[in-house]
Amino acid sequence: MKLILVFALFFLSFPSLYSQEKVAFEIYKSDGSKSSYSEILMIAEKSDILLIGELHNNALSHWLEYEITKDLYAIKNGMITLGAEMFESDDQIVVDEYLSGKLSENNFKAEAKLWQNFKTDYKPLLDFAKTNNLKFIATNIPRRYSSMVYSRGLESLDSLEIEAYKWIVPLPFEIDMNLNCYKDIMEKAEGHGGENLPKSQAIKDATMAYFINRNIKERNIFIHFNGSYHSDYHESICWYLKKYDENYKILTLTTIEQDDVKSLDKENLNKADFIIAVPASFTKTY
């Protein structure tokens, strides 16, 4: 009887361990109300541009990117265009040659400037485009040019060869230093890099928006993959896209991590139209 009581007390002392449900993610609207995957697809279908803001090393973020791409391809009868921050604009010819089968995978890997998690996180998206004969746009500014802006200012781009300007947003371009996305960079850097730091970020945003805008097709949706910071709060890329056409219907998604995803933390409200809350313990890809 004593042994039974000991076991009973043991189990009663840990009721939450046996009753809790493990949830891989929750989907919220900007106001913190719960939403669903199907609602994302319904609204995305009617959008011109879908900006998927990822956490670069979050496995679930990448899985959702692929699933959304696959499902929107089916819903839109193939009328989608893909693009990504993870490919620099001067690699567009290499991307095109790989997609058309002119370039082997090994040669593509040798020629393109690929991120360390390309194989697990971005190759599936690129191969989906290849299989389905889709355009995949390399939207990001070549890193060497954003580095020049960071180290020597926007003026350093004035001395580039004519050919180089094909890979950058047309200069000069507007920068609103009052946008929170750039003010936040300045505050977090505590003055290091001065105004060149947010300007180097702005030229990335402006260049990505430039190449998205150039490749918009009527009745197509452009699905763009980027770090969440480049589209959170409808700033950054969104701000520049609206400069091209204020009537663009832009849908934003972002991924955030929380210890508990049962409700959305106040600090994550309004980050995007849809917010994917993932447990902080979820698998990282690097």
Protein backbone atom coordinates (compact mmCIF):
# COMPACT_ATOMS: atom_id res chain seq x y z
CA MET A 1 0.00 0.00 0.00
CA LYS A 2 2.85 2.39 0.82
CA LEU A 3 4.46 1.62 -2.54
CA ILE A 4 1.21 2.34 -4.39
CA LEU A 5 0.88 5.67 -2.56
CA VAL A 6 4.45 6.62 -3.48
CA PHE A 7 3.79 5.94 -7.18
CA ALA A 8 0.48 7.82 -7.02
CA LEU A 9 2.13 10.85 -5.46
CA PHE A 10 4.91 10.72 -8.08
CA PHE A 11 2.54 10.80 -11.03
CA LEU A 12 0.30 13.42 -9.46
CA SER A 13 3.28 15.70 -8.93
CA PHE A 14 4.02 15.80 -12.69
CA PRO A 15 0.57 16.01 -14.32
CA SER A 16 1.68 18.54 -16.96
CA LEU A 17 4.37 16.22 -18.32
CA TYR A 18 1.74 13.67 -19.33
CA SER A 19 -1.01 16.01 -20.46
CA GLN A 20 0.91 18.51 -22.58
CA GLU A 21 0.80 18.44 -26.38
CA LYS A 22 3.89 19.17 -28.44
CA VAL A 23 3.18 21.70 -31.19
CA ALA A 24 5.72 22.25 -33.99
CA PHE A 25 4.37 25.68 -34.89
CA GLU A 26 1.39 28.01 -34.71
CA ILE A 27 0.24 30.51 -37.32
CA TYR A 28 -0.93 33.95 -36.22
CA LYS A 29 -2.24 37.06 -37.91
CA SER A 30 -0.54 40.36 -37.27
CA ASP A 31 -2.90 41.17 -34.38
CA GLY A 32 -2.06 37.91 -32.58
CA SER A 33 -5.23 36.03 -33.45
CA LYS A 34 -4.71 32.45 -34.62
CA SER A 35 -4.86 31.65 -38.30
CA SER A 36 -4.22 28.67 -40.55
CA TYR A 37 -2.09 27.47 -43.43
CA SER A 38 -5.12 27.43 -45.72
CA GLU A 39 -5.79 31.11 -44.99
CA ILE A 40 -2.22 31.95 -46.01
CA LEU A 41 -2.79 30.22 -49.35
CA MET A 42 -6.16 31.88 -49.93
CA ILE A 43 -4.75 35.37 -49.48
CA ALA A 44 -1.48 34.61 -51.28
CA GLU A 45 -3.43 33.45 -54.33
CA LYS A 46 -4.80 36.99 -54.73
CA SER A 47 -1.48 38.73 -54.07
CA ASP A 48 1.08 40.09 -56.50
CA ILE A 49 4.06 39.47 -54.27
CA LEU A 50 4.66 37.12 -51.35
CA LEU A 51 7.65 37.98 -49.19
CA ILE A 52 8.58 35.03 -46.99
CA GLY A 53 10.79 36.23 -44.18
CA GLU A 54 12.77 33.32 -42.82
CA LEU A 55 15.10 32.59 -39.97
CA HIS A 56 18.04 31.38 -42.01
CA ASN A 57 18.88 28.39 -39.81
CA ASN A 58 15.35 27.32 -38.89
CA ALA A 59 14.40 23.97 -40.43
CA LEU A 60 10.66 24.52 -40.15
CA SER A 61 10.93 27.88 -41.85
CA HIS A 62 12.53 26.20 -44.88
CA TRP A 63 10.01 23.36 -44.90
CA LEU A 64 7.14 25.85 -45.02
CA GLU A 65 8.81 27.76 -47.85
CA TYR A 66 8.87 24.62 -49.95
CA GLU A 67 5.30 23.61 -49.06
CA ILE A 68 3.92 27.08 -49.80
CA THR A 69 5.76 27.17 -53.13
CA LYS A 70 4.49 23.73 -54.12
CA ASP A 71 0.90 24.48 -53.14
CA LEU A 72 0.76 27.92 -54.75
CA TYR A 73 2.20 26.41 -57.93
CA ALA A 74 -0.78 24.02 -57.99
CA ILE A 75 -3.34 26.69 -57.04
CA LYS A 76 -2.02 29.21 -59.60
CA ASN A 77 -1.62 26.59 -62.35
CA GLY A 78 2.11 27.22 -62.53
CA MET A 79 1.80 31.01 -62.71
CA ILE A 80 4.49 31.78 -60.14
CA THR A 81 7.95 33.30 -60.25
CA LEU A 82 10.56 32.61 -57.58
CA GLY A 83 13.37 34.77 -56.29
CA ALA A 84 15.71 34.89 -53.32
CA GLU A 85 18.09 37.00 -51.30
CA MET A 86 20.38 33.97 -51.16
CA PHE A 87 21.48 34.37 -54.79
CA GLU A 88 23.42 37.43 -55.91
CA SER A 89 22.30 39.21 -59.05
CA ASP A 90 25.55 38.68 -60.96
CA ASP A 91 25.01 34.92 -60.59
CA GLN A 92 21.77 35.09 -62.61
CA ILE A 93 23.33 33.59 -65.72
CA VAL A 94 24.71 30.69 -63.66
CA VAL A 95 21.28 30.11 -62.10
CA ASP A 96 19.65 30.20 -65.55
CA GLU A 97 22.17 27.76 -66.99
CA TYR A 98 21.60 25.35 -64.11
CA LEU A 99 17.81 25.58 -64.46
CA SER A 100 17.99 24.92 -68.22
CA GLY A 101 20.28 21.91 -67.78
CA LYS A 102 23.26 23.55 -69.48
CA LEU A 103 25.27 23.49 -66.26
CA SER A 104 25.81 20.42 -64.09
CA GLU A 105 25.16 20.57 -60.36
CA ASN A 106 28.87 20.29 -59.59
CA ASN A 107 29.75 23.13 -61.94
CA PHE A 108 26.89 25.22 -60.56
CA LYS A 109 28.22 24.76 -57.02
CA ALA A 110 31.70 25.74 -58.19
CA GLU A 111 30.52 28.86 -60.04
CA ALA A 112 27.75 30.33 -57.84
CA LYS A 113 28.30 32.05 -54.50
CA LEU A 114 26.19 29.68 -52.41
CA TRP A 115 25.28 29.92 -48.75
CA GLN A 116 26.51 27.20 -46.41
CA ASN A 117 23.00 25.74 -46.03
CA PHE A 118 22.30 25.68 -49.77
CA LYS A 119 22.05 21.89 -50.01
CA THR A 120 19.44 21.45 -47.29
CA ASP A 121 17.50 24.72 -47.49
CA TYR A 122 17.66 26.33 -50.95
CA LYS A 123 18.52 23.57 -53.39
CA PRO A 124 15.01 22.04 -53.00
CA LEU A 125 13.48 25.37 -54.07
CA LEU A 126 15.85 25.77 -56.99
CA ASP A 127 15.24 22.19 -58.10
CA PHE A 128 11.47 22.75 -57.89
CA ALA A 129 11.93 25.64 -60.31
CA LYS A 130 14.07 23.45 -62.56
CA THR A 131 11.57 20.59 -62.61
CA ASN A 132 8.66 22.90 -63.37
CA ASN A 133 10.41 25.28 -65.80
CA LEU A 134 10.01 28.30 -63.53
CA LYS A 135 12.06 31.48 -63.46
CA PHE A 136 14.20 31.87 -60.35
CA ILE A 137 15.54 35.39 -59.90
CA ALA A 138 18.79 36.13 -58.10
CA THR A 139 17.77 39.38 -56.43
CA ASN A 140 20.50 40.33 -53.97
CA ILE A 141 23.23 42.87 -54.62
CA PRO A 142 26.68 41.27 -55.03
CA ARG A 143 28.18 41.24 -51.57
CA ARG A 144 31.34 43.04 -52.68
CA TYR A 145 29.28 46.16 -53.49
CA SER A 146 27.33 46.25 -50.22
CA SER A 147 30.67 45.78 -48.44
CA MET A 148 32.03 48.80 -50.32
CA VAL A 149 29.08 50.87 -49.09
CA TYR A 150 29.68 49.72 -45.52
CA SER A 151 33.39 50.49 -45.56
CA ARG A 152 33.55 53.56 -47.82
CA GLY A 153 30.01 54.87 -48.29
CA LEU A 154 27.68 55.05 -51.28
CA GLU A 155 30.15 57.34 -53.03
CA SER A 156 32.48 54.37 -53.50
CA LEU A 157 30.06 52.95 -56.10
CA ASP A 158 30.62 55.95 -58.39
CA SER A 159 33.88 54.48 -59.66
CA LEU A 160 32.53 51.06 -60.72
CA GLU A 161 32.83 49.81 -64.27
CA ILE A 162 29.71 50.39 -66.39
CA GLU A 163 29.01 46.65 -66.52
CA ALA A 164 28.72 46.49 -62.71
CA TYR A 165 25.67 48.74 -62.59
CA LYS A 166 23.57 45.97 -64.16
CA TRP A 167 23.61 44.17 -60.81
CA ILE A 168 22.60 47.10 -58.59
CA VAL A 169 19.49 49.21 -58.13
CA PRO A 170 19.86 52.28 -60.39
CA LEU A 171 21.79 55.03 -58.63
CA PRO A 172 21.10 57.31 -56.92
CA PHE A 173 18.29 55.70 -54.94
CA GLU A 174 16.18 57.00 -52.08
CA ILE A 175 16.94 56.03 -48.48
CA ASP A 176 14.59 56.95 -45.64
CA MET A 177 16.79 56.86 -42.56
CA ASN A 178 13.69 57.40 -40.40
CA LEU A 179 12.40 53.91 -41.18
CA ASN A 180 12.55 51.79 -38.04
CA CYS A 181 14.42 49.01 -39.85
CA TYR A 182 17.39 51.34 -40.40
CA LYS A 183 17.15 53.24 -37.13
CA ASP A 184 17.15 49.90 -35.32
CA ILE A 185 20.38 48.87 -37.06
CA MET A 186 22.03 52.08 -35.93
CA GLU A 187 20.88 51.61 -32.35
CA LYS A 188 22.00 47.98 -32.13
CA ALA A 189 25.38 48.80 -33.64
CA GLU A 190 25.78 51.59 -31.08
CA GLY A 191 27.29 53.88 -33.67
CA HIS A 192 29.77 51.39 -35.15
CA GLY A 193 29.85 51.84 -38.92
CA GLY A 194 27.96 55.12 -38.71
CA GLU A 195 25.32 55.72 -41.36
CA ASN A 196 27.16 53.44 -43.77
CA LEU A 197 25.82 50.38 -41.93
CA PRO A 198 22.10 51.05 -42.51
CA LYS A 199 22.94 52.31 -46.02
CA SER A 200 24.61 49.00 -46.83
CA GLN A 201 21.40 47.32 -45.67
CA ALA A 202 19.24 49.73 -47.66
CA ILE A 203 21.04 49.05 -50.93
CA LYS A 204 20.35 45.33 -50.42
CA ASP A 205 16.65 46.04 -49.87
CA ALA A 206 16.49 48.44 -52.82
CA THR A 207 18.28 46.01 -55.14
CA MET A 208 16.04 43.10 -54.17
CA ALA A 209 12.94 45.24 -54.74
CA TYR A 210 14.37 46.39 -58.08
CA PHE A 211 14.79 42.86 -59.41
CA ILE A 212 11.43 41.73 -58.03
CA ASN A 213 9.72 44.65 -59.74
CA ARG A 214 11.53 43.96 -63.02
CA ASN A 215 10.31 40.38 -63.06
CA ILE A 216 6.66 40.83 -62.05
CA LYS A 217 4.29 39.22 -64.55
CA GLU A 218 0.60 39.91 -64.87
CA ARG A 219 -1.53 37.31 -63.02
CA ASN A 220 1.63 35.68 -61.63
CA ILE A 221 2.64 35.78 -58.00
CA PHE A 222 6.27 36.51 -57.25
CA ILE A 223 7.38 34.43 -54.24
CA HIS A 224 10.51 35.87 -52.66
CA PHE A 225 12.61 34.24 -49.94
CA ASN A 226 14.55 36.56 -47.67
CA GLY A 227 15.69 37.00 -44.12
CA SER A 228 12.79 38.19 -42.00
CA TYR A 229 14.50 41.50 -41.28
CA HIS A 230 14.20 42.43 -44.97
CA SER A 231 10.39 42.41 -44.87
CA ASP A 232 9.27 42.66 -41.23
CA TYR A 233 6.81 45.45 -40.38
CA HIS A 234 6.25 46.02 -44.13
CA GLU A 235 9.45 48.03 -44.32
CA SER A 236 12.73 47.41 -46.18
CA ILE A 237 11.89 45.54 -49.43
CA CYS A 238 8.17 46.37 -49.05
CA TRP A 239 8.89 50.09 -48.79
CA TYR A 240 10.92 50.05 -52.01
CA LEU A 241 8.36 47.94 -53.88
CA LYS A 242 5.63 50.43 -53.03
CA LYS A 243 7.80 53.14 -54.60
CA TYR A 244 7.46 51.28 -57.91
CA ASP A 245 3.73 50.69 -57.57
CA GLU A 246 1.74 51.69 -54.50
CA ASN A 247 -1.05 49.35 -55.65
CA TYR A 248 1.05 46.22 -55.38
CA LYS A 249 -0.73 43.62 -53.24
CA ILE A 250 2.12 42.46 -51.03
CA LEU A 251 1.67 39.65 -48.51
CA THR A 252 4.32 39.15 -45.84
CA LEU A 253 5.17 36.13 -43.72
CA THR A 254 7.73 35.98 -40.96
CA THR A 255 9.09 33.25 -38.72
CA ILE A 256 9.75 33.92 -35.05
CA GLU A 257 10.95 31.72 -32.20
CA GLN A 258 9.34 31.60 -28.75
CA ASP A 259 9.74 29.30 -25.76
CA ASP A 260 5.96 28.79 -25.80
CA VAL A 261 3.98 29.14 -29.04
CA LYS A 262 0.49 28.83 -27.51
CA SER A 263 0.07 32.58 -27.84
CA LEU A 264 2.01 35.29 -29.62
CA ASP A 265 4.34 37.37 -27.48
CA LYS A 266 3.54 41.08 -27.52
CA GLU A 267 6.94 41.93 -29.01
CA ASN A 268 6.10 39.85 -32.11
CA LEU A 269 2.78 41.50 -32.92
CA ASN A 270 2.46 43.28 -36.30
CA LYS A 271 5.72 41.92 -37.68
CA ALA A 272 3.98 40.54 -40.77
CA ASP A 273 0.58 39.68 -42.18
CA PHE A 274 1.14 36.11 -40.99
CA ILE A 275 3.54 35.14 -38.23
CA ILE A 276 4.85 31.59 -37.91
CA ALA A 277 5.68 30.93 -34.26
CA VAL A 278 8.18 28.11 -33.81
CA PRO A 279 9.48 26.65 -30.53
CA ALA A 280 12.91 28.03 -29.74
CA SER A 281 14.15 24.45 -29.31
CA PHE A 282 13.30 23.51 -32.90
CA THR A 283 16.03 21.95 -35.05
CA LYS A 284 18.57 24.33 -36.60
CA THR A 285 20.10 23.61 -40.00
CA TYR A 286 23.46 25.06 -39.00
